[in-house]
């Protein structure tokens, strides 16, 4: 089985999830440090759809300036553009 984790080494939840996945027998794991690699727009859109979320639901508010920039009330296109420009906005 294959899996990809969009990983943030500074995040405790991400580190714990990576540890669990790393110990899973038979798993071919791809680790993407999204803060370094960023997102291509099409891939980000697909990830959000696959997760069953709207761009607003996938927006990280905690630890970012997204709320101050008005992103929670922005349209989906503006949120996606902000996420591509700053991957820290992706929850």
PDB file of N, CA and C in Angstrom:
ATOM      1  N   UNK A   1       0.841  -1.172   0.000  1.00  0.00           N
ATOM      2  CA  UNK A   1       0.000   0.000   0.000  1.00  0.00           C
ATOM      3  C   UNK A   1       0.890   1.241   0.000  1.00  0.00           C
ATOM      4  N   UNK A   2       0.408   2.302  -0.646  1.00  0.00           N
ATOM      5  CA  UNK A   2       1.132   3.573  -0.720  1.00  0.00           C
ATOM      6  C   UNK A   2       0.384   4.643   0.057  1.00  0.00           C
ATOM      7  N   UNK A   3       1.135   5.554   0.649  1.00  0.00           N
ATOM      8  CA  UNK A   3       0.539   6.688   1.350  1.00  0.00           C
ATOM      9  C   UNK A   3       1.481   7.877   1.232  1.00  0.00           C
ATOM     10  N   UNK A   4       0.894   9.054   1.266  1.00  0.00           N
ATOM     11  CA  UNK A   4       1.666  10.300   1.270  1.00  0.00           C
ATOM     12  C   UNK A   4       1.236  11.106   2.477  1.00  0.00           C
ATOM     13  N   UNK A   5       2.207  11.618   3.200  1.00  0.00           N
ATOM     14  CA  UNK A   5       1.911  12.533   4.304  1.00  0.00           C
ATOM     15  C   UNK A   5       2.499  13.892   3.947  1.00  0.00           C
ATOM     16  N   UNK A   6       1.656  14.908   4.057  1.00  0.00           N
ATOM     17  CA  UNK A   6       2.079  16.290   3.888  1.00  0.00           C
ATOM     18  C   UNK A   6       2.489  16.729   5.285  1.00  0.00           C
ATOM     19  N   UNK A   7       3.780  16.748   5.523  1.00  0.00           N
ATOM     20  CA  UNK A   7       4.349  16.796   6.862  1.00  0.00           C
ATOM     21  C   UNK A   7       4.921  18.163   7.214  1.00  0.00           C
ATOM     22  N   UNK A   8       4.684  18.541   8.476  1.00  0.00           N
ATOM     23  CA  UNK A   8       5.298  19.735   9.052  1.00  0.00           C
ATOM     24  C   UNK A   8       6.077  19.271  10.282  1.00  0.00           C
ATOM     25  N   UNK A   9       7.402  19.210  10.210  1.00  0.00           N
ATOM     26  CA  UNK A   9       8.194  18.715  11.328  1.00  0.00           C
ATOM     27  C   UNK A   9       8.004  19.501  12.628  1.00  0.00           C
ATOM     28  N   UNK A  10       7.528  20.726  12.560  1.00  0.00           N
ATOM     29  CA  UNK A  10       7.317  21.540  13.757  1.00  0.00           C
ATOM     30  C   UNK A  10       5.989  21.222  14.440  1.00  0.00           C
ATOM     31  N   UNK A  11       5.153  20.422  13.797  1.00  0.00           N
ATOM     32  CA  UNK A  11       3.821  20.115  14.314  1.00  0.00           C
ATOM     33  C   UNK A  11       3.836  18.764  15.035  1.00  0.00           C
ATOM     34  N   UNK A  12       3.424  18.763  16.288  1.00  0.00           N
ATOM     35  CA  UNK A  12       3.399  17.539  17.077  1.00  0.00           C
ATOM     36  C   UNK A  12       2.482  16.478  16.494  1.00  0.00           C
ATOM     37  N   UNK A  13       1.314  16.875  16.028  1.00  0.00           N
ATOM     38  CA  UNK A  13       0.377  15.918  15.434  1.00  0.00           C
ATOM     39  C   UNK A  13       0.983  15.306  14.178  1.00  0.00           C
ATOM     40  N   UNK A  14       1.630  16.118  13.373  1.00  0.00           N
ATOM     41  CA  UNK A  14       2.265  15.613  12.159  1.00  0.00           C
ATOM     42  C   UNK A  14       3.393  14.646  12.504  1.00  0.00           C
ATOM     43  N   UNK A  15       4.192  14.971  13.501  1.00  0.00           N
ATOM     44  CA  UNK A  15       5.282  14.077  13.914  1.00  0.00           C
ATOM     45  C   UNK A  15       4.745  12.746  14.415  1.00  0.00           C
ATOM     46  N   UNK A  16       3.684  12.780  15.218  1.00  0.00           N
ATOM     47  CA  UNK A  16       3.086  11.544  15.734  1.00  0.00           C
ATOM     48  C   UNK A  16       2.516  10.695  14.599  1.00  0.00           C
ATOM     49  N   UNK A  17       1.842  11.342  13.661  1.00  0.00           N
ATOM     50  CA  UNK A  17       1.269  10.619  12.527  1.00  0.00           C
ATOM     51  C   UNK A  17       2.368  10.005  11.679  1.00  0.00           C
ATOM     52  N   UNK A  18       3.428  10.741  11.442  1.00  0.00           N
ATOM     53  CA  UNK A  18       4.550  10.216  10.672  1.00  0.00           C
ATOM     54  C   UNK A  18       5.164   9.007  11.375  1.00  0.00           C
ATOM     55  N   UNK A  19       5.296   9.064  12.686  1.00  0.00           N
ATOM     56  CA  UNK A  19       5.857   7.934  13.434  1.00  0.00           C
ATOM     57  C   UNK A  19       4.984   6.691  13.272  1.00  0.00           C
ATOM     58  N   UNK A  20       3.672   6.864  13.365  1.00  0.00           N
ATOM     59  CA  UNK A  20       2.752   5.734  13.202  1.00  0.00           C
ATOM     60  C   UNK A  20       2.860   5.159  11.796  1.00  0.00           C
ATOM     61  N   UNK A  21       2.841   6.034  10.799  1.00  0.00           N
ATOM     62  CA  UNK A  21       2.921   5.567   9.421  1.00  0.00           C
ATOM     63  C   UNK A  21       4.263   4.898   9.135  1.00  0.00           C
ATOM     64  N   UNK A  22       5.334   5.415   9.694  1.00  0.00           N
ATOM     65  CA  UNK A  22       6.666   4.853   9.479  1.00  0.00           C
ATOM     66  C   UNK A  22       6.778   3.445  10.041  1.00  0.00           C
ATOM     67  N   UNK A  23       6.011   3.146  11.078  1.00  0.00           N
ATOM     68  CA  UNK A  23       6.048   1.827  11.711  1.00  0.00           C
ATOM     69  C   UNK A  23       5.077   0.841  11.073  1.00  0.00           C
ATOM     70  N   UNK A  24       4.274   1.298  10.128  1.00  0.00           N
ATOM     71  CA  UNK A  24       3.272   0.438   9.506  1.00  0.00           C
ATOM     72  C   UNK A  24       3.929  -0.480   8.488  1.00  0.00           C
ATOM     73  N   UNK A  25       3.800  -1.785   8.728  1.00  0.00           N
ATOM     74  CA  UNK A  25       4.389  -2.783   7.849  1.00  0.00           C
ATOM     75  C   UNK A  25       3.751  -2.727   6.467  1.00  0.00           C
ATOM     76  N   UNK A  26       4.577  -2.845   5.425  1.00  0.00           N
ATOM     77  CA  UNK A  26       4.084  -2.921   4.058  1.00  0.00           C
ATOM     78  C   UNK A  26       3.636  -1.605   3.455  1.00  0.00           C
ATOM     79  N   UNK A  27       3.899  -0.513   4.132  1.00  0.00           N
ATOM     80  CA  UNK A  27       3.471   0.801   3.649  1.00  0.00           C
ATOM     81  C   UNK A  27       4.626   1.488   2.929  1.00  0.00           C
ATOM     82  N   UNK A  28       4.387   1.884   1.694  1.00  0.00           N
ATOM     83  CA  UNK A  28       5.357   2.670   0.938  1.00  0.00           C
ATOM     84  C   UNK A  28       4.995   4.139   1.163  1.00  0.00           C
ATOM     85  N   UNK A  29       5.771   4.796   2.017  1.00  0.00           N
ATOM     86  CA  UNK A  29       5.433   6.136   2.484  1.00  0.00           C
ATOM     87  C   UNK A  29       6.235   7.207   1.755  1.00  0.00           C
ATOM     88  N   UNK A  30       5.528   8.213   1.278  1.00  0.00           N
ATOM     89  CA  UNK A  30       6.148   9.405   0.716  1.00  0.00           C
ATOM     90  C   UNK A  30       5.901  10.548   1.693  1.00  0.00           C
ATOM     91  N   UNK A  31       6.962  11.231   2.067  1.00  0.00           N
ATOM     92  CA  UNK A  31       6.870  12.357   2.996  1.00  0.00           C
ATOM     93  C   UNK A  31       7.160  13.637   2.222  1.00  0.00           C
ATOM     94  N   UNK A  32       6.216  14.561   2.259  1.00  0.00           N
ATOM     95  CA  UNK A  32       6.377  15.857   1.602  1.00  0.00           C
ATOM     96  C   UNK A  32       6.356  16.932   2.685  1.00  0.00           C
ATOM     97  N   UNK A  33       7.471  17.615   2.855  1.00  0.00           N
ATOM     98  CA  UNK A  33       7.502  18.737   3.797  1.00  0.00           C
ATOM     99  C   UNK A  33       6.918  19.942   3.072  1.00  0.00           C
ATOM    100  N   UNK A  34       5.626  20.132   3.253  1.00  0.00           N
ATOM    101  CA  UNK A  34       4.888  21.103   2.434  1.00  0.00           C
ATOM    102  C   UNK A  34       5.317  22.552   2.660  1.00  0.00           C
ATOM    103  N   UNK A  35       5.863  22.867   3.808  1.00  0.00           N
ATOM    104  CA  UNK A  35       6.313  24.244   4.030  1.00  0.00           C
ATOM    105  C   UNK A  35       7.532  24.563   3.173  1.00  0.00           C
ATOM    106  N   UNK A  36       8.324  23.545   2.848  1.00  0.00           N
ATOM    107  CA  UNK A  36       9.478  23.721   1.968  1.00  0.00           C
ATOM    108  C   UNK A  36       9.086  23.558   0.507  1.00  0.00           C
ATOM    109  N   UNK A  37       8.297  22.521   0.236  1.00  0.00           N
ATOM    110  CA  UNK A  37       7.964  22.170  -1.153  1.00  0.00           C
ATOM    111  C   UNK A  37       6.859  23.039  -1.731  1.00  0.00           C
ATOM    112  N   UNK A  38       5.963  23.499  -0.868  1.00  0.00           N
ATOM    113  CA  UNK A  38       4.808  24.253  -1.337  1.00  0.00           C
ATOM    114  C   UNK A  38       3.820  23.363  -2.066  1.00  0.00           C
ATOM    115  N   UNK A  39       2.848  23.978  -2.687  1.00  0.00           N
ATOM    116  CA  UNK A  39       1.797  23.258  -3.399  1.00  0.00           C
ATOM    117  C   UNK A  39       1.658  23.815  -4.805  1.00  0.00           C
ATOM    118  N   UNK A  40       1.436  22.935  -5.744  1.00  0.00           N
ATOM    119  CA  UNK A  40       0.977  23.367  -7.055  1.00  0.00           C
ATOM    120  C   UNK A  40      -0.532  23.502  -6.947  1.00  0.00           C
ATOM    121  N   UNK A  41      -1.096  24.479  -7.606  1.00  0.00           N
ATOM    122  CA  UNK A  41      -2.521  24.773  -7.451  1.00  0.00           C
ATOM    123  C   UNK A  41      -3.404  23.562  -7.740  1.00  0.00           C
ATOM    124  N   UNK A  42      -3.161  22.865  -8.831  1.00  0.00           N
ATOM    125  CA  UNK A  42      -4.005  21.720  -9.192  1.00  0.00           C
ATOM    126  C   UNK A  42      -3.924  20.617  -8.141  1.00  0.00           C
ATOM    127  N   UNK A  43      -2.727  20.368  -7.632  1.00  0.00           N
ATOM    128  CA  UNK A  43      -2.563  19.335  -6.604  1.00  0.00           C
ATOM    129  C   UNK A  43      -3.269  19.736  -5.306  1.00  0.00           C
ATOM    130  N   UNK A  44      -3.159  21.001  -4.938  1.00  0.00           N
ATOM    131  CA  UNK A  44      -3.823  21.489  -3.732  1.00  0.00           C
ATOM    132  C   UNK A  44      -5.340  21.364  -3.863  1.00  0.00           C
ATOM    133  N   UNK A  45      -5.857  21.760  -5.006  1.00  0.00           N
ATOM    134  CA  UNK A  45      -7.304  21.627  -5.230  1.00  0.00           C
ATOM    135  C   UNK A  45      -7.742  20.169  -5.091  1.00  0.00           C
ATOM    136  N   UNK A  46      -6.966  19.254  -5.665  1.00  0.00           N
ATOM    137  CA  UNK A  46      -7.304  17.834  -5.590  1.00  0.00           C
ATOM    138  C   UNK A  46      -7.260  17.333  -4.150  1.00  0.00           C
ATOM    139  N   UNK A  47      -6.253  17.744  -3.390  1.00  0.00           N
ATOM    140  CA  UNK A  47      -6.159  17.330  -1.988  1.00  0.00           C
ATOM    141  C   UNK A  47      -7.372  17.807  -1.185  1.00  0.00           C
ATOM    142  N   UNK A  48      -7.770  19.033  -1.410  1.00  0.00           N
ATOM    143  CA  UNK A  48      -8.905  19.589  -0.675  1.00  0.00           C
ATOM    144  C   UNK A  48     -10.189  18.837  -1.034  1.00  0.00           C
ATOM    145  N   UNK A  49     -10.392  18.595  -2.316  1.00  0.00           N
ATOM    146  CA  UNK A  49     -11.581  17.845  -2.759  1.00  0.00           C
ATOM    147  C   UNK A  49     -11.549  16.427  -2.190  1.00  0.00           C
ATOM    148  N   UNK A  50     -10.390  15.759  -2.297  1.00  0.00           N
ATOM    149  CA  UNK A  50     -10.268  14.385  -1.796  1.00  0.00           C
ATOM    150  C   UNK A  50     -10.539  14.297  -0.296  1.00  0.00           C
ATOM    151  N   UNK A  51     -10.218  15.368   0.424  1.00  0.00           N
ATOM    152  CA  UNK A  51     -10.470  15.402   1.871  1.00  0.00           C
ATOM    153  C   UNK A  51     -11.924  15.736   2.194  1.00  0.00           C
ATOM    154  N   UNK A  52     -12.699  16.084   1.172  1.00  0.00           N
ATOM    155  CA  UNK A  52     -14.097  16.429   1.393  1.00  0.00           C
ATOM    156  C   UNK A  52     -14.283  17.786   2.055  1.00  0.00           C
ATOM    157  N   UNK A  53     -13.343  18.677   1.811  1.00  0.00           N
ATOM    158  CA  UNK A  53     -13.380  19.996   2.445  1.00  0.00           C
ATOM    159  C   UNK A  53     -13.583  21.089   1.408  1.00  0.00           C
ATOM    160  N   UNK A  54     -13.984  22.237   1.886  1.00  0.00           N
ATOM    161  CA  UNK A  54     -13.962  23.448   1.063  1.00  0.00           C
ATOM    162  C   UNK A  54     -12.625  24.129   1.337  1.00  0.00           C
ATOM    163  N   UNK A  55     -12.189  25.031   0.469  1.00  0.00           N
ATOM    164  CA  UNK A  55     -10.961  25.770   0.764  1.00  0.00           C
ATOM    165  C   UNK A  55     -11.026  26.478   2.129  1.00  0.00           C
ATOM    166  N   UNK A  56     -12.176  27.030   2.471  1.00  0.00           N
ATOM    167  CA  UNK A  56     -12.300  27.706   3.767  1.00  0.00           C
ATOM    168  C   UNK A  56     -12.108  26.732   4.927  1.00  0.00           C
ATOM    169  N   UNK A  57     -12.599  25.509   4.776  1.00  0.00           N
ATOM    170  CA  UNK A  57     -12.438  24.509   5.829  1.00  0.00           C
ATOM    171  C   UNK A  57     -10.997  24.023   5.955  1.00  0.00           C
ATOM    172  N   UNK A  58     -10.238  24.112   4.864  1.00  0.00           N
ATOM    173  CA  UNK A  58      -8.843  23.670   4.857  1.00  0.00           C
ATOM    174  C   UNK A  58      -7.875  24.782   5.241  1.00  0.00           C
ATOM    175  N   UNK A  59      -8.393  25.946   5.555  1.00  0.00           N
ATOM    176  CA  UNK A  59      -7.574  27.114   5.881  1.00  0.00           C
ATOM    177  C   UNK A  59      -7.105  27.055   7.329  1.00  0.00           C
ATOM    178  N   UNK A  60      -5.789  27.140   7.519  1.00  0.00           N
ATOM    179  CA  UNK A  60      -5.223  27.159   8.878  1.00  0.00           C
ATOM    180  C   UNK A  60      -5.260  28.586   9.402  1.00  0.00           C
ATOM    181  N   UNK A  61      -5.918  28.754  10.528  1.00  0.00           N
ATOM    182  CA  UNK A  61      -5.987  30.064  11.169  1.00  0.00           C
ATOM    183  C   UNK A  61      -4.973  30.173  12.294  1.00  0.00           C
ATOM    184  N   UNK A  62      -4.863  29.106  13.073  1.00  0.00           N
ATOM    185  CA  UNK A  62      -3.973  29.093  14.230  1.00  0.00           C
ATOM    186  C   UNK A  62      -2.520  29.233  13.765  1.00  0.00           C
ATOM    187  N   UNK A  63      -1.817  30.191  14.329  1.00  0.00           N
ATOM    188  CA  UNK A  63      -0.410  30.377  14.023  1.00  0.00           C
ATOM    189  C   UNK A  63      -0.126  31.082  12.703  1.00  0.00           C
ATOM    190  N   UNK A  64      -1.160  31.620  12.084  1.00  0.00           N
ATOM    191  CA  UNK A  64      -0.966  32.355  10.828  1.00  0.00           C
ATOM    192  C   UNK A  64      -1.650  33.713  10.931  1.00  0.00           C
ATOM    193  N   UNK A  65      -1.462  34.525   9.901  1.00  0.00           N
ATOM    194  CA  UNK A  65      -2.143  35.814   9.844  1.00  0.00           C
ATOM    195  C   UNK A  65      -3.356  35.764   8.907  1.00  0.00           C
ATOM    196  N   UNK A  66      -3.850  34.555   8.640  1.00  0.00           N
ATOM    197  CA  UNK A  66      -4.960  34.381   7.687  1.00  0.00           C
ATOM    198  C   UNK A  66      -6.200  35.174   8.110  1.00  0.00           C
ATOM    199  N   UNK A  67      -6.532  35.154   9.379  1.00  0.00           N
ATOM    200  CA  UNK A  67      -7.723  35.883   9.839  1.00  0.00           C
ATOM    201  C   UNK A  67      -7.533  37.386   9.665  1.00  0.00           C
ATOM    202  N   UNK A  68      -6.357  37.881  10.015  1.00  0.00           N
ATOM    203  CA  UNK A  68      -6.081  39.304   9.883  1.00  0.00           C
ATOM    204  C   UNK A  68      -6.154  39.750   8.425  1.00  0.00           C
ATOM    205  N   UNK A  69      -5.827  38.849   7.516  1.00  0.00           N
ATOM    206  CA  UNK A  69      -5.877  39.164   6.083  1.00  0.00           C
ATOM    207  C   UNK A  69      -7.281  38.992   5.505  1.00  0.00           C
ATOM    208  N   UNK A  70      -8.237  38.564   6.341  1.00  0.00           N
ATOM    209  CA  UNK A  70      -9.615  38.423   5.886  1.00  0.00           C
ATOM    210  C   UNK A  70      -9.881  37.150   5.101  1.00  0.00           C
ATOM    211  N   UNK A  71      -8.972  36.198   5.141  1.00  0.00           N
ATOM    212  CA  UNK A  71      -9.140  34.993   4.334  1.00  0.00           C
ATOM    213  C   UNK A  71     -10.344  34.134   4.714  1.00  0.00           C
ATOM    214  N   UNK A  72     -10.736  34.057   5.987  1.00  0.00           N
ATOM    215  CA  UNK A  72     -11.909  33.232   6.297  1.00  0.00           C
ATOM    216  C   UNK A  72     -13.179  33.684   5.570  1.00  0.00           C
ATOM    217  N   UNK A  73     -13.251  34.946   5.208  1.00  0.00           N
ATOM    218  CA  UNK A  73     -14.439  35.478   4.523  1.00  0.00           C
ATOM    219  C   UNK A  73     -14.205  35.638   3.020  1.00  0.00           C
ATOM    220  N   UNK A  74     -13.019  35.262   2.554  1.00  0.00           N
ATOM    221  CA  UNK A  74     -12.685  35.400   1.132  1.00  0.00           C
ATOM    222  C   UNK A  74     -13.344  34.284   0.326  1.00  0.00           C
ATOM    223  N   UNK A  75     -13.405  34.474  -0.984  1.00  0.00           N
ATOM    224  CA  UNK A  75     -13.954  33.416  -1.829  1.00  0.00           C
ATOM    225  C   UNK A  75     -12.917  32.309  -2.003  1.00  0.00           C
ATOM    226  N   UNK A  76     -13.374  31.177  -2.514  1.00  0.00           N
ATOM    227  CA  UNK A  76     -12.532  29.989  -2.643  1.00  0.00           C
ATOM    228  C   UNK A  76     -11.285  30.256  -3.472  1.00  0.00           C
ATOM    229  N   UNK A  77     -11.421  31.026  -4.534  1.00  0.00           N
ATOM    230  CA  UNK A  77     -10.275  31.303  -5.406  1.00  0.00           C
ATOM    231  C   UNK A  77      -9.204  32.091  -4.670  1.00  0.00           C
ATOM    232  N   UNK A  78      -9.603  33.058  -3.881  1.00  0.00           N
ATOM    233  CA  UNK A  78      -8.642  33.859  -3.120  1.00  0.00           C
ATOM    234  C   UNK A  78      -7.952  33.008  -2.054  1.00  0.00           C
ATOM    235  N   UNK A  79      -8.688  32.119  -1.431  1.00  0.00           N
ATOM    236  CA  UNK A  79      -8.104  31.244  -0.409  1.00  0.00           C
ATOM    237  C   UNK A  79      -7.083  30.309  -1.044  1.00  0.00           C
ATOM    238  N   UNK A  80      -7.446  29.698  -2.161  1.00  0.00           N
ATOM    239  CA  UNK A  80      -6.512  28.798  -2.855  1.00  0.00           C
ATOM    240  C   UNK A  80      -5.250  29.560  -3.258  1.00  0.00           C
ATOM    241  N   UNK A  81      -5.414  30.745  -3.815  1.00  0.00           N
ATOM    242  CA  UNK A  81      -4.254  31.543  -4.228  1.00  0.00           C
ATOM    243  C   UNK A  81      -3.358  31.848  -3.028  1.00  0.00           C
ATOM    244  N   UNK A  82      -3.956  32.179  -1.896  1.00  0.00           N
ATOM    245  CA  UNK A  82      -3.174  32.469  -0.692  1.00  0.00           C
ATOM    246  C   UNK A  82      -2.447  31.220  -0.205  1.00  0.00           C
ATOM    247  N   UNK A  83      -3.097  30.067  -0.283  1.00  0.00           N
ATOM    248  CA  UNK A  83      -2.478  28.811   0.142  1.00  0.00           C
ATOM    249  C   UNK A  83      -1.295  28.435  -0.750  1.00  0.00           C
ATOM    250  N   UNK A  84      -1.439  28.661  -2.037  1.00  0.00           N
ATOM    251  CA  UNK A  84      -0.337  28.373  -2.960  1.00  0.00           C
ATOM    252  C   UNK A  84       0.835  29.313  -2.668  1.00  0.00           C
ATOM    253  N   UNK A  85       0.541  30.579  -2.398  1.00  0.00           N
ATOM    254  CA  UNK A  85       1.588  31.556  -2.108  1.00  0.00           C
ATOM    255  C   UNK A  85       2.228  31.328  -0.745  1.00  0.00           C
ATOM    256  N   UNK A  86       1.439  30.837   0.207  1.00  0.00           N
ATOM    257  CA  UNK A  86       1.937  30.618   1.568  1.00  0.00           C
ATOM    258  C   UNK A  86       1.405  29.280   2.080  1.00  0.00           C
ATOM    259  N   UNK A  87       2.155  28.186   1.933  1.00  0.00           N
ATOM    260  CA  UNK A  87       1.660  26.863   2.316  1.00  0.00           C
ATOM    261  C   UNK A  87       1.326  26.733   3.803  1.00  0.00           C
ATOM    262  N   UNK A  88       1.756  27.650   4.639  1.00  0.00           N
ATOM    263  CA  UNK A  88       1.407  27.600   6.062  1.00  0.00           C
ATOM    264  C   UNK A  88      -0.090  27.815   6.266  1.00  0.00           C
ATOM    265  N   UNK A  89      -0.787  28.328   5.259  1.00  0.00           N
ATOM    266  CA  UNK A  89      -2.236  28.532   5.374  1.00  0.00           C
ATOM    267  C   UNK A  89      -3.031  27.245   5.204  1.00  0.00           C
ATOM    268  N   UNK A  90      -2.378  26.156   4.861  1.00  0.00           N
ATOM    269  CA  UNK A  90      -3.092  24.890   4.669  1.00  0.00           C
ATOM    270  C   UNK A  90      -3.118  24.128   5.989  1.00  0.00           C
ATOM    271  N   UNK A  91      -4.306  23.780   6.435  1.00  0.00           N
ATOM    272  CA  UNK A  91      -4.478  23.038   7.692  1.00  0.00           C
ATOM    273  C   UNK A  91      -4.075  21.604   7.489  1.00  0.00           C
TER     274      UNK A  91
END
